Amino acid sequence: MYADFISIYDLTSEELQELLDLADELKRKFRAKEEHHRLSGKTLGMVFEKPSLRTRVTFETGMYHLGGHAVFIQTTLGERETVPDIARNLDRWVDGIVARTHSHEAMLELASYSSVPVINALTDRLHPCQVLGDAQTIREHKGQLEGLKVVFVGDGNNVFASWANLATRFAFDLTLVCPQGYELKGEVHERAIKEAKGVYKVCHNPEEGVPGADVVYTDVWVSMGQEVETAKRKEAFGPYQVDRRLMELAGDQALFMHCLPAHREEEVTHEVIEGEQSVVFDQAENRLHAQKAVLVKLMG
């Protein structure tokens, strides 16, 4: 079994399947109000450099459901103490670490020095916990992920990068629809081209990429740390808003997904996010159950 959860790459297809099955089981127990104290007496250290609603609440609540305890630490890694020193202090006190960092390199350094499992709760490069909850949500609504077409309308950001990771583990088609210059680049993109189990592609025309989609996914146009690019990005992404017209191209059976928080009337219209095809709050709930599965597998 894997030691950390930094990337979807850390898991085989079989391990991912087991993790999603466990997430479903834990959700069933949660809904049935069945006790599932799989981590009694365990403590999770939560090191956050960035603000959070869903990630913080779901990890803290998840540890409570599992019979354990979470300690929240708001800090800037490497500012007051070095990352190796933080890791080697925390691993003497806690049974696992979840971190939400600006730099992916800081996450890797934290994991390399920690003797307890480290979970990636978001970096500038990847967001694996989000995509794990997304996969659980799609399986609930569509029965399976394999054989589907997922279209991500937005830039090649950390969420899409984790989707590209997932495409190397399950046989679904993945399309990024974005303006020129906002594609996913680097090792994750190159690996998806070579190893994706379905069709993996990038296109720049929503009318070309969206038709036939089983899932239409979007994210904010301006992520944390990109505020200086706000005007430029809004101009570039204006034609890529997910509205009723775009959802009609996908069809009335397509799901609409968004990792939240959403900027309504920018990347998505209020009508779409509140419409019958939207499953955004199911996604938000499933962050709880998917992350609980990760905690059990790593800290159990």
C-alpha atoms as a PDB file:
ATOM      1  CA  MET A   1       0.000   0.000   0.000  1.00  0.00           C
ATOM      2  CA  TYR A   2       1.109   3.538  -0.780  1.00  0.00           C
ATOM      3  CA  ALA A   3       2.812   5.593   1.942  1.00  0.00           C
ATOM      4  CA  ASP A   4       1.624   9.099   0.951  1.00  0.00           C
ATOM      5  CA  PHE A   5      -1.099  10.579  -1.236  1.00  0.00           C
ATOM      6  CA  ILE A   6       0.633  13.353  -3.151  1.00  0.00           C
ATOM      7  CA  SER A   7      -0.621  12.465  -6.616  1.00  0.00           C
ATOM      8  CA  ILE A   8      -3.056  10.117  -8.336  1.00  0.00           C
ATOM      9  CA  TYR A   9       0.137   8.552  -9.740  1.00  0.00           C
ATOM     10  CA  ASP A  10       0.853   7.222  -6.224  1.00  0.00           C
ATOM     11  CA  LEU A  11      -1.958   4.685  -6.679  1.00  0.00           C
ATOM     12  CA  THR A  12      -2.476   1.873  -9.146  1.00  0.00           C
ATOM     13  CA  SER A  13      -5.804   1.478 -10.923  1.00  0.00           C
ATOM     14  CA  GLU A  14      -6.678  -1.338  -8.516  1.00  0.00           C
ATOM     15  CA  GLU A  15      -5.817   0.756  -5.447  1.00  0.00           C
ATOM     16  CA  LEU A  16      -7.930   3.632  -6.774  1.00  0.00           C
ATOM     17  CA  GLN A  17     -10.844   1.261  -7.310  1.00  0.00           C
ATOM     18  CA  GLU A  18     -10.502  -0.024  -3.746  1.00  0.00           C
ATOM     19  CA  LEU A  19     -10.297   3.526  -2.420  1.00  0.00           C
ATOM     20  CA  LEU A  20     -13.475   4.591  -4.254  1.00  0.00           C
ATOM     21  CA  ASP A  21     -15.289   1.471  -3.051  1.00  0.00           C
ATOM     22  CA  LEU A  22     -14.230   2.283   0.510  1.00  0.00           C
ATOM     23  CA  ALA A  23     -15.440   5.880   0.061  1.00  0.00           C
ATOM     24  CA  ASP A  24     -18.839   4.500  -0.988  1.00  0.00           C
ATOM     25  CA  GLU A  25     -18.909   2.220   2.064  1.00  0.00           C
ATOM     26  CA  LEU A  26     -18.025   5.058   4.439  1.00  0.00           C
ATOM     27  CA  LYS A  27     -20.684   7.270   2.861  1.00  0.00           C
ATOM     28  CA  ARG A  28     -23.281   4.541   3.356  1.00  0.00           C
ATOM     29  CA  LYS A  29     -22.298   4.237   7.029  1.00  0.00           C
ATOM     30  CA  PHE A  30     -22.428   8.022   7.424  1.00  0.00           C
ATOM     31  CA  ARG A  31     -25.914   8.211   5.904  1.00  0.00           C
ATOM     32  CA  ALA A  32     -27.119   5.273   8.017  1.00  0.00           C
ATOM     33  CA  LYS A  33     -25.620   6.886  11.134  1.00  0.00           C
ATOM     34  CA  GLU A  34     -23.522   3.778  11.736  1.00  0.00           C
ATOM     35  CA  GLU A  35     -20.427   4.241  13.868  1.00  0.00           C
ATOM     36  CA  HIS A  36     -17.213   3.809  11.879  1.00  0.00           C
ATOM     37  CA  HIS A  37     -14.404   4.718  14.278  1.00  0.00           C
ATOM     38  CA  ARG A  38     -11.610   3.363  12.103  1.00  0.00           C
ATOM     39  CA  LEU A  39      -9.049   5.855  13.453  1.00  0.00           C
ATOM     40  CA  SER A  40      -9.748   5.905  17.176  1.00  0.00           C
ATOM     41  CA  GLY A  41      -6.921   7.557  19.092  1.00  0.00           C
ATOM     42  CA  LYS A  42      -5.264   8.894  15.912  1.00  0.00           C
ATOM     43  CA  THR A  43      -4.361  12.552  15.309  1.00  0.00           C
ATOM     44  CA  LEU A  44      -4.107  14.375  11.981  1.00  0.00           C
ATOM     45  CA  GLY A  45      -1.934  17.488  11.647  1.00  0.00           C
ATOM     46  CA  MET A  46      -3.373  19.962   9.098  1.00  0.00           C
ATOM     47  CA  VAL A  47      -0.785  22.393   7.703  1.00  0.00           C
ATOM     48  CA  PHE A  48      -2.508  25.087   5.602  1.00  0.00           C
ATOM     49  CA  GLU A  49      -0.844  27.965   3.764  1.00  0.00           C
ATOM     50  CA  LYS A  50      -4.005  28.794   1.766  1.00  0.00           C
ATOM     51  CA  PRO A  51      -7.568  29.620   2.876  1.00  0.00           C
ATOM     52  CA  SER A  52     -10.116  26.837   2.641  1.00  0.00           C
ATOM     53  CA  LEU A  53     -13.756  25.992   3.219  1.00  0.00           C
ATOM     54  CA  ARG A  54     -14.382  22.484   1.816  1.00  0.00           C
ATOM     55  CA  THR A  55     -10.920  21.057   2.446  1.00  0.00           C
ATOM     56  CA  ARG A  56     -10.571  22.142   6.059  1.00  0.00           C
ATOM     57  CA  VAL A  57     -14.111  21.270   7.119  1.00  0.00           C
ATOM     58  CA  THR A  58     -14.142  17.875   5.394  1.00  0.00           C
ATOM     59  CA  PHE A  59     -10.809  16.739   6.833  1.00  0.00           C
ATOM     60  CA  GLU A  60     -11.619  17.918  10.352  1.00  0.00           C
ATOM     61  CA  THR A  61     -15.123  16.461  10.230  1.00  0.00           C
ATOM     62  CA  GLY A  62     -13.831  13.268   8.648  1.00  0.00           C
ATOM     63  CA  MET A  63     -11.367  12.664  11.472  1.00  0.00           C
ATOM     64  CA  TYR A  64     -14.170  13.212  13.988  1.00  0.00           C
ATOM     65  CA  HIS A  65     -16.380  10.675  12.190  1.00  0.00           C
ATOM     66  CA  LEU A  66     -13.495   8.188  12.206  1.00  0.00           C
ATOM     67  CA  GLY A  67     -12.990   8.582  15.947  1.00  0.00           C
ATOM     68  CA  GLY A  68      -9.801  10.614  15.681  1.00  0.00           C
ATOM     69  CA  HIS A  69      -8.762  14.224  16.167  1.00  0.00           C
ATOM     70  CA  ALA A  70      -7.460  16.969  13.838  1.00  0.00           C
ATOM     71  CA  VAL A  71      -5.141  19.869  14.717  1.00  0.00           C
ATOM     72  CA  PHE A  72      -5.267  22.880  12.363  1.00  0.00           C
ATOM     73  CA  ILE A  73      -2.016  24.804  11.764  1.00  0.00           C
ATOM     74  CA  GLN A  74      -2.130  28.013   9.692  1.00  0.00           C
ATOM     75  CA  THR A  75       1.444  28.793   8.674  1.00  0.00           C
ATOM     76  CA  THR A  76       3.792  29.618   5.818  1.00  0.00           C
ATOM     77  CA  LEU A  77       6.140  26.722   5.200  1.00  0.00           C
ATOM     78  CA  GLY A  78       9.785  27.682   5.407  1.00  0.00           C
ATOM     79  CA  GLU A  79       9.153  31.138   6.850  1.00  0.00           C
ATOM     80  CA  ARG A  80       9.318  30.623  10.613  1.00  0.00           C
ATOM     81  CA  GLU A  81      10.824  27.133  10.388  1.00  0.00           C
ATOM     82  CA  THR A  82      12.266  25.079   7.580  1.00  0.00           C
ATOM     83  CA  VAL A  83      10.060  22.460   5.952  1.00  0.00           C
ATOM     84  CA  PRO A  84      12.291  19.567   7.145  1.00  0.00           C
ATOM     85  CA  ASP A  85      12.080  20.855  10.725  1.00  0.00           C
ATOM     86  CA  ILE A  86       8.293  21.184  10.543  1.00  0.00           C
ATOM     87  CA  ALA A  87       8.004  17.643   9.189  1.00  0.00           C
ATOM     88  CA  ARG A  88      10.300  16.161  11.830  1.00  0.00           C
ATOM     89  CA  ASN A  89       8.453  17.898  14.646  1.00  0.00           C
ATOM     90  CA  LEU A  90       4.985  16.957  13.470  1.00  0.00           C
ATOM     91  CA  ASP A  91       5.797  13.304  12.837  1.00  0.00           C
ATOM     92  CA  ARG A  92       6.701  12.940  16.546  1.00  0.00           C
ATOM     93  CA  TRP A  93       3.217  14.093  17.568  1.00  0.00           C
ATOM     94  CA  VAL A  94       0.691  13.120  14.891  1.00  0.00           C
ATOM     95  CA  ASP A  95      -0.198  10.010  12.900  1.00  0.00           C
ATOM     96  CA  GLY A  96      -0.641  11.763   9.566  1.00  0.00           C
ATOM     97  CA  ILE A  97      -0.237  15.165   7.919  1.00  0.00           C
ATOM     98  CA  VAL A  98      -2.528  16.867   5.414  1.00  0.00           C
ATOM     99  CA  ALA A  99      -1.045  19.942   3.745  1.00  0.00           C
ATOM    100  CA  ARG A 100      -2.420  22.703   1.519  1.00  0.00           C
ATOM    101  CA  THR A 101       0.545  24.587   0.090  1.00  0.00           C
ATOM    102  CA  HIS A 102       1.437  27.208  -2.469  1.00  0.00           C
ATOM    103  CA  SER A 103       4.400  25.250  -3.808  1.00  0.00           C
ATOM    104  CA  HIS A 104       4.302  21.630  -4.936  1.00  0.00           C
ATOM    105  CA  GLU A 105       8.013  21.400  -4.118  1.00  0.00           C
ATOM    106  CA  ALA A 106       7.229  22.231  -0.475  1.00  0.00           C
ATOM    107  CA  MET A 107       4.722  19.348  -0.434  1.00  0.00           C
ATOM    108  CA  LEU A 108       7.326  16.943  -1.793  1.00  0.00           C
ATOM    109  CA  GLU A 109       9.879  18.144   0.756  1.00  0.00           C
ATOM    110  CA  LEU A 110       7.378  17.738   3.589  1.00  0.00           C
ATOM    111  CA  ALA A 111       6.680  14.163   2.502  1.00  0.00           C
ATOM    112  CA  SER A 112      10.355  13.307   2.085  1.00  0.00           C
ATOM    113  CA  TYR A 113      11.183  14.296   5.682  1.00  0.00           C
ATOM    114  CA  SER A 114       8.035  13.042   7.402  1.00  0.00           C
ATOM    115  CA  SER A 115       7.939   9.517   8.799  1.00  0.00           C
ATOM    116  CA  VAL A 116       4.108   9.590   8.872  1.00  0.00           C
ATOM    117  CA  PRO A 117       1.819   9.720   5.797  1.00  0.00           C
ATOM    118  CA  VAL A 118       1.402  13.054   4.008  1.00  0.00           C
ATOM    119  CA  ILE A 119      -1.758  13.910   2.047  1.00  0.00           C
ATOM    120  CA  ASN A 120      -1.829  16.573  -0.654  1.00  0.00           C
ATOM    121  CA  ALA A 121      -4.828  18.843  -0.041  1.00  0.00           C
ATOM    122  CA  LEU A 122      -3.825  21.166  -2.934  1.00  0.00           C
ATOM    123  CA  THR A 123      -0.666  22.624  -4.419  1.00  0.00           C
ATOM    124  CA  ASP A 124      -0.040  24.899  -7.373  1.00  0.00           C
ATOM    125  CA  ARG A 125       0.453  21.749  -9.470  1.00  0.00           C
ATOM    126  CA  LEU A 126      -2.091  19.136  -8.320  1.00  0.00           C
ATOM    127  CA  HIS A 127      -5.377  18.660  -6.434  1.00  0.00           C
ATOM    128  CA  PRO A 128      -5.820  14.869  -6.114  1.00  0.00           C
ATOM    129  CA  CYS A 129      -8.362  14.872  -3.259  1.00  0.00           C
ATOM    130  CA  GLN A 130     -10.736  16.976  -5.356  1.00  0.00           C
ATOM    131  CA  VAL A 131     -10.558  14.612  -8.310  1.00  0.00           C
ATOM    132  CA  LEU A 132     -11.015  11.567  -6.093  1.00  0.00           C
ATOM    133  CA  GLY A 133     -14.285  13.039  -4.794  1.00  0.00           C
ATOM    134  CA  ASP A 134     -15.238  13.940  -8.366  1.00  0.00           C
ATOM    135  CA  ALA A 135     -14.703  10.345  -9.496  1.00  0.00           C
ATOM    136  CA  GLN A 136     -16.914   9.102  -6.667  1.00  0.00           C
ATOM    137  CA  THR A 137     -19.623  11.570  -7.724  1.00  0.00           C
ATOM    138  CA  ILE A 138     -19.538  10.485 -11.365  1.00  0.00           C
ATOM    139  CA  ARG A 139     -19.763   6.820 -10.383  1.00  0.00           C
ATOM    140  CA  GLU A 140     -22.833   7.619  -8.273  1.00  0.00           C
ATOM    141  CA  HIS A 141     -24.620   9.423 -11.095  1.00  0.00           C
ATOM    142  CA  LYS A 142     -23.398   7.479 -14.123  1.00  0.00           C
ATOM    143  CA  GLY A 143     -22.662   4.067 -12.636  1.00  0.00           C
ATOM    144  CA  GLN A 144     -19.028   4.103 -13.741  1.00  0.00           C
ATOM    145  CA  LEU A 145     -16.266   6.350 -15.018  1.00  0.00           C
ATOM    146  CA  GLU A 146     -15.008   4.024 -17.739  1.00  0.00           C
ATOM    147  CA  GLY A 147     -16.312   4.753 -21.213  1.00  0.00           C
ATOM    148  CA  LEU A 148     -17.424   8.299 -20.428  1.00  0.00           C
ATOM    149  CA  LYS A 149     -16.336  11.586 -21.979  1.00  0.00           C
ATOM    150  CA  VAL A 150     -15.228  14.263 -19.510  1.00  0.00           C
ATOM    151  CA  VAL A 151     -14.742  17.780 -20.895  1.00  0.00           C
ATOM    152  CA  PHE A 152     -12.930  20.355 -18.766  1.00  0.00           C
ATOM    153  CA  VAL A 153     -13.681  23.919 -19.929  1.00  0.00           C
ATOM    154  CA  GLY A 154     -10.986  26.163 -18.484  1.00  0.00           C
ATOM    155  CA  ASP A 155      -7.238  26.328 -18.172  1.00  0.00           C
ATOM    156  CA  GLY A 156      -4.807  23.489 -17.584  1.00  0.00           C
ATOM    157  CA  ASN A 157      -4.661  24.166 -13.855  1.00  0.00           C
ATOM    158  CA  ASN A 158      -3.993  21.956 -10.837  1.00  0.00           C
ATOM    159  CA  VAL A 159      -7.466  20.383 -10.924  1.00  0.00           C
ATOM    160  CA  PHE A 160      -7.198  19.498 -14.596  1.00  0.00           C
ATOM    161  CA  ALA A 161      -3.677  18.153 -14.012  1.00  0.00           C
ATOM    162  CA  SER A 162      -5.077  15.671 -11.491  1.00  0.00           C
ATOM    163  CA  TRP A 163      -7.780  14.763 -14.011  1.00  0.00           C
ATOM    164  CA  ALA A 164      -4.986  14.089 -16.521  1.00  0.00           C
ATOM    165  CA  ASN A 165      -3.349  11.854 -13.887  1.00  0.00           C
ATOM    166  CA  LEU A 166      -6.638   9.979 -13.463  1.00  0.00           C
ATOM    167  CA  ALA A 167      -6.899   9.445 -17.228  1.00  0.00           C
ATOM    168  CA  THR A 168      -3.827   7.210 -17.000  1.00  0.00           C
ATOM    169  CA  ARG A 169      -5.630   4.972 -14.508  1.00  0.00           C
ATOM    170  CA  PHE A 170      -9.198   4.632 -15.886  1.00  0.00           C
ATOM    171  CA  ALA A 171     -10.444   4.243 -19.461  1.00  0.00           C
ATOM    172  CA  PHE A 172     -12.440   7.426 -20.038  1.00  0.00           C
ATOM    173  CA  ASP A 173     -11.975  10.199 -22.606  1.00  0.00           C
ATOM    174  CA  LEU A 174     -10.669  13.547 -21.334  1.00  0.00           C
ATOM    175  CA  THR A 175     -10.734  16.803 -23.290  1.00  0.00           C
ATOM    176  CA  LEU A 176      -9.408  20.187 -22.208  1.00  0.00           C
ATOM    177  CA  VAL A 177     -11.169  23.116 -23.908  1.00  0.00           C
ATOM    178  CA  CYS A 178      -9.210  26.322 -23.366  1.00  0.00           C
ATOM    179  CA  PRO A 179      -7.929  29.486 -25.083  1.00  0.00           C
ATOM    180  CA  GLN A 180      -4.582  29.323 -26.851  1.00  0.00           C
ATOM    181  CA  GLY A 181      -1.753  29.581 -24.336  1.00  0.00           C
ATOM    182  CA  TYR A 182      -3.669  28.152 -21.365  1.00  0.00           C
ATOM    183  CA  GLU A 183      -3.067  24.454 -22.032  1.00  0.00           C
ATOM    184  CA  LEU A 184      -1.645  22.018 -19.505  1.00  0.00           C
ATOM    185  CA  LYS A 185       2.086  21.761 -20.094  1.00  0.00           C
ATOM    186  CA  GLY A 186       4.994  19.718 -18.824  1.00  0.00           C
ATOM    187  CA  GLU A 187       5.417  16.196 -17.521  1.00  0.00           C
ATOM    188  CA  VAL A 188       1.785  15.585 -16.540  1.00  0.00           C
ATOM    189  CA  HIS A 189       0.572  16.512 -20.034  1.00  0.00           C
ATOM    190  CA  GLU A 190       3.250  14.465 -21.796  1.00  0.00           C
ATOM    191  CA  ARG A 191       2.545  11.445 -19.631  1.00  0.00           C
ATOM    192  CA  ALA A 192      -1.198  11.690 -20.304  1.00  0.00           C
ATOM    193  CA  ILE A 193      -0.541  11.765 -24.051  1.00  0.00           C
ATOM    194  CA  LYS A 194       1.463   8.544 -23.763  1.00  0.00           C
ATOM    195  CA  GLU A 195      -0.417   6.663 -21.032  1.00  0.00           C
ATOM    196  CA  ALA A 196      -4.075   7.769 -21.105  1.00  0.00           C
ATOM    197  CA  LYS A 197      -6.353   4.728 -21.278  1.00  0.00           C
ATOM    198  CA  GLY A 198      -8.941   6.637 -23.313  1.00  0.00           C
ATOM    199  CA  VAL A 199      -8.748   9.556 -25.748  1.00  0.00           C
ATOM    200  CA  TYR A 200      -6.861  12.517 -24.271  1.00  0.00           C
ATOM    201  CA  LYS A 201      -6.840  15.773 -26.214  1.00  0.00           C
ATOM    202  CA  VAL A 202      -6.797  19.558 -26.071  1.00  0.00           C
ATOM    203  CA  CYS A 203      -8.919  21.820 -28.252  1.00  0.00           C
ATOM    204  CA  HIS A 204      -9.659  25.537 -28.362  1.00  0.00           C
ATOM    205  CA  ASN A 205     -13.232  25.604 -29.638  1.00  0.00           C
ATOM    206  CA  PRO A 206     -16.031  24.784 -27.158  1.00  0.00           C
ATOM    207  CA  GLU A 207     -18.388  23.918 -30.017  1.00  0.00           C
ATOM    208  CA  GLU A 208     -15.884  21.273 -31.094  1.00  0.00           C
ATOM    209  CA  GLY A 209     -14.955  19.865 -27.688  1.00  0.00           C
ATOM    210  CA  VAL A 210     -18.224  19.806 -25.730  1.00  0.00           C
ATOM    211  CA  PRO A 211     -20.703  17.851 -27.929  1.00  0.00           C
ATOM    212  CA  GLY A 212     -21.220  14.336 -26.618  1.00  0.00           C
ATOM    213  CA  ALA A 213     -19.791  15.088 -23.179  1.00  0.00           C
ATOM    214  CA  ASP A 214     -21.078  13.030 -20.275  1.00  0.00           C
ATOM    215  CA  VAL A 215     -19.512  15.527 -17.873  1.00  0.00           C
ATOM    216  CA  VAL A 216     -18.879  19.244 -18.413  1.00  0.00           C
ATOM    217  CA  TYR A 217     -16.470  20.535 -15.771  1.00  0.00           C
ATOM    218  CA  THR A 218     -15.223  24.057 -15.167  1.00  0.00           C
ATOM    219  CA  ASP A 219     -13.250  26.055 -12.613  1.00  0.00           C
ATOM    220  CA  VAL A 220     -12.616  29.713 -11.844  1.00  0.00           C
ATOM    221  CA  TRP A 221     -10.751  31.713 -14.453  1.00  0.00           C
ATOM    222  CA  VAL A 222      -8.469  33.333 -11.871  1.00  0.00           C
ATOM    223  CA  SER A 223      -7.030  31.011  -9.234  1.00  0.00           C
ATOM    224  CA  MET A 224      -5.338  32.040  -5.982  1.00  0.00           C
ATOM    225  CA  GLY A 225      -2.017  33.676  -6.808  1.00  0.00           C
ATOM    226  CA  GLN A 226      -3.088  34.771 -10.314  1.00  0.00           C
ATOM    227  CA  GLU A 227      -4.873  37.973  -9.295  1.00  0.00           C
ATOM    228  CA  VAL A 228      -2.493  40.199 -11.302  1.00  0.00           C
ATOM    229  CA  GLU A 229      -3.731  38.411 -14.450  1.00  0.00           C
ATOM    230  CA  THR A 230      -7.425  38.998 -13.709  1.00  0.00           C
ATOM    231  CA  ALA A 231      -8.235  41.378 -16.579  1.00  0.00           C
ATOM    232  CA  LYS A 232      -6.235  39.378 -19.118  1.00  0.00           C
ATOM    233  CA  ARG A 233      -7.810  36.082 -18.081  1.00  0.00           C
ATOM    234  CA  LYS A 234     -11.371  37.395 -18.069  1.00  0.00           C
ATOM    235  CA  GLU A 235     -10.903  38.629 -21.627  1.00  0.00           C
ATOM    236  CA  ALA A 236      -9.347  35.347 -22.796  1.00  0.00           C
ATOM    237  CA  PHE A 237     -11.933  33.090 -21.137  1.00  0.00           C
ATOM    238  CA  GLY A 238     -15.031  35.154 -21.882  1.00  0.00           C
ATOM    239  CA  PRO A 239     -16.088  32.903 -24.808  1.00  0.00           C
ATOM    240  CA  TYR A 240     -15.633  29.803 -22.613  1.00  0.00           C
ATOM    241  CA  GLN A 241     -18.398  30.469 -20.104  1.00  0.00           C
ATOM    242  CA  VAL A 242     -20.491  27.366 -19.390  1.00  0.00           C
ATOM    243  CA  ASP A 243     -24.040  28.510 -20.101  1.00  0.00           C
ATOM    244  CA  ARG A 244     -27.270  26.876 -21.214  1.00  0.00           C
ATOM    245  CA  ARG A 245     -26.161  26.885 -24.864  1.00  0.00           C
ATOM    246  CA  LEU A 246     -22.964  24.995 -24.045  1.00  0.00           C
ATOM    247  CA  MET A 247     -24.792  22.460 -21.871  1.00  0.00           C
ATOM    248  CA  GLU A 248     -27.280  21.878 -24.702  1.00  0.00           C
ATOM    249  CA  LEU A 249     -24.341  20.919 -26.919  1.00  0.00           C
ATOM    250  CA  ALA A 250     -23.445  18.238 -24.375  1.00  0.00           C
ATOM    251  CA  GLY A 251     -27.017  17.011 -24.080  1.00  0.00           C
ATOM    252  CA  ASP A 252     -29.600  16.807 -21.333  1.00  0.00           C
ATOM    253  CA  GLN A 253     -27.972  13.737 -19.739  1.00  0.00           C
ATOM    254  CA  ALA A 254     -24.630  15.488 -19.166  1.00  0.00           C
ATOM    255  CA  LEU A 255     -23.557  16.372 -15.639  1.00  0.00           C
ATOM    256  CA  PHE A 256     -22.259  19.825 -14.780  1.00  0.00           C
ATOM    257  CA  MET A 257     -19.368  19.861 -12.301  1.00  0.00           C
ATOM    258  CA  HIS A 258     -17.347  22.588 -10.587  1.00  0.00           C
ATOM    259  CA  CYS A 259     -14.793  22.162  -7.798  1.00  0.00           C
ATOM    260  CA  LEU A 260     -15.948  25.413  -6.109  1.00  0.00           C
ATOM    261  CA  PRO A 261     -15.794  28.178  -5.098  1.00  0.00           C
ATOM    262  CA  ALA A 262     -17.627  29.434  -8.189  1.00  0.00           C
ATOM    263  CA  HIS A 263     -17.771  32.929  -9.640  1.00  0.00           C
ATOM    264  CA  ARG A 264     -21.294  32.921 -10.999  1.00  0.00           C
ATOM    265  CA  GLU A 265     -21.826  34.703 -14.306  1.00  0.00           C
ATOM    266  CA  GLU A 266     -18.114  34.369 -15.053  1.00  0.00           C
ATOM    267  CA  GLU A 267     -17.015  30.764 -15.738  1.00  0.00           C
ATOM    268  CA  VAL A 268     -20.595  29.477 -15.254  1.00  0.00           C
ATOM    269  CA  THR A 269     -24.022  31.039 -15.306  1.00  0.00           C
ATOM    270  CA  HIS A 270     -26.260  30.972 -12.260  1.00  0.00           C
ATOM    271  CA  GLU A 271     -28.823  29.085 -14.345  1.00  0.00           C
ATOM    272  CA  VAL A 272     -26.429  26.191 -15.030  1.00  0.00           C
ATOM    273  CA  ILE A 273     -24.936  25.837 -11.555  1.00  0.00           C
ATOM    274  CA  GLU A 274     -28.431  25.806 -10.025  1.00  0.00           C
ATOM    275  CA  GLY A 275     -29.885  23.646 -12.797  1.00  0.00           C
ATOM    276  CA  GLU A 276     -30.974  20.004 -12.770  1.00  0.00           C
ATOM    277  CA  GLN A 277     -27.745  18.822 -14.417  1.00  0.00           C
ATOM    278  CA  SER A 278     -25.534  20.361 -11.738  1.00  0.00           C
ATOM    279  CA  VAL A 279     -23.977  18.023  -9.167  1.00  0.00           C
ATOM    280  CA  VAL A 280     -21.612  20.538  -7.589  1.00  0.00           C
ATOM    281  CA  PHE A 281     -22.882  20.041  -4.043  1.00  0.00           C
ATOM    282  CA  ASP A 282     -22.702  16.266  -4.396  1.00  0.00           C
ATOM    283  CA  GLN A 283     -19.054  16.819  -5.316  1.00  0.00           C
ATOM    284  CA  ALA A 284     -18.561  18.969  -2.238  1.00  0.00           C
ATOM    285  CA  GLU A 285     -20.109  16.318   0.025  1.00  0.00           C
ATOM    286  CA  ASN A 286     -18.023  13.556  -1.517  1.00  0.00           C
ATOM    287  CA  ARG A 287     -14.821  15.353  -0.616  1.00  0.00           C
ATOM    288  CA  LEU A 288     -15.701  14.219   2.926  1.00  0.00           C
ATOM    289  CA  HIS A 289     -16.177  10.564   2.062  1.00  0.00           C
ATOM    290  CA  ALA A 290     -13.303  10.229  -0.426  1.00  0.00           C
ATOM    291  CA  GLN A 291     -10.861  11.875   1.973  1.00  0.00           C
ATOM    292  CA  LYS A 292     -12.044   9.660   4.828  1.00  0.00           C
ATOM    293  CA  ALA A 293     -11.167   6.685   2.639  1.00  0.00           C
ATOM    294  CA  VAL A 294      -7.661   8.101   2.100  1.00  0.00           C
ATOM    295  CA  LEU A 295      -7.251   8.685   5.850  1.00  0.00           C
ATOM    296  CA  VAL A 296      -8.305   5.119   6.664  1.00  0.00           C
ATOM    297  CA  LYS A 297      -5.985   3.596   4.058  1.00  0.00           C
ATOM    298  CA  LEU A 298      -2.972   5.676   5.127  1.00  0.00           C
ATOM    299  CA  MET A 299      -3.474   5.973   8.888  1.00  0.00           C
ATOM    300  CA  GLY A 300      -5.481   2.817   9.708  1.00  0.00           C
END
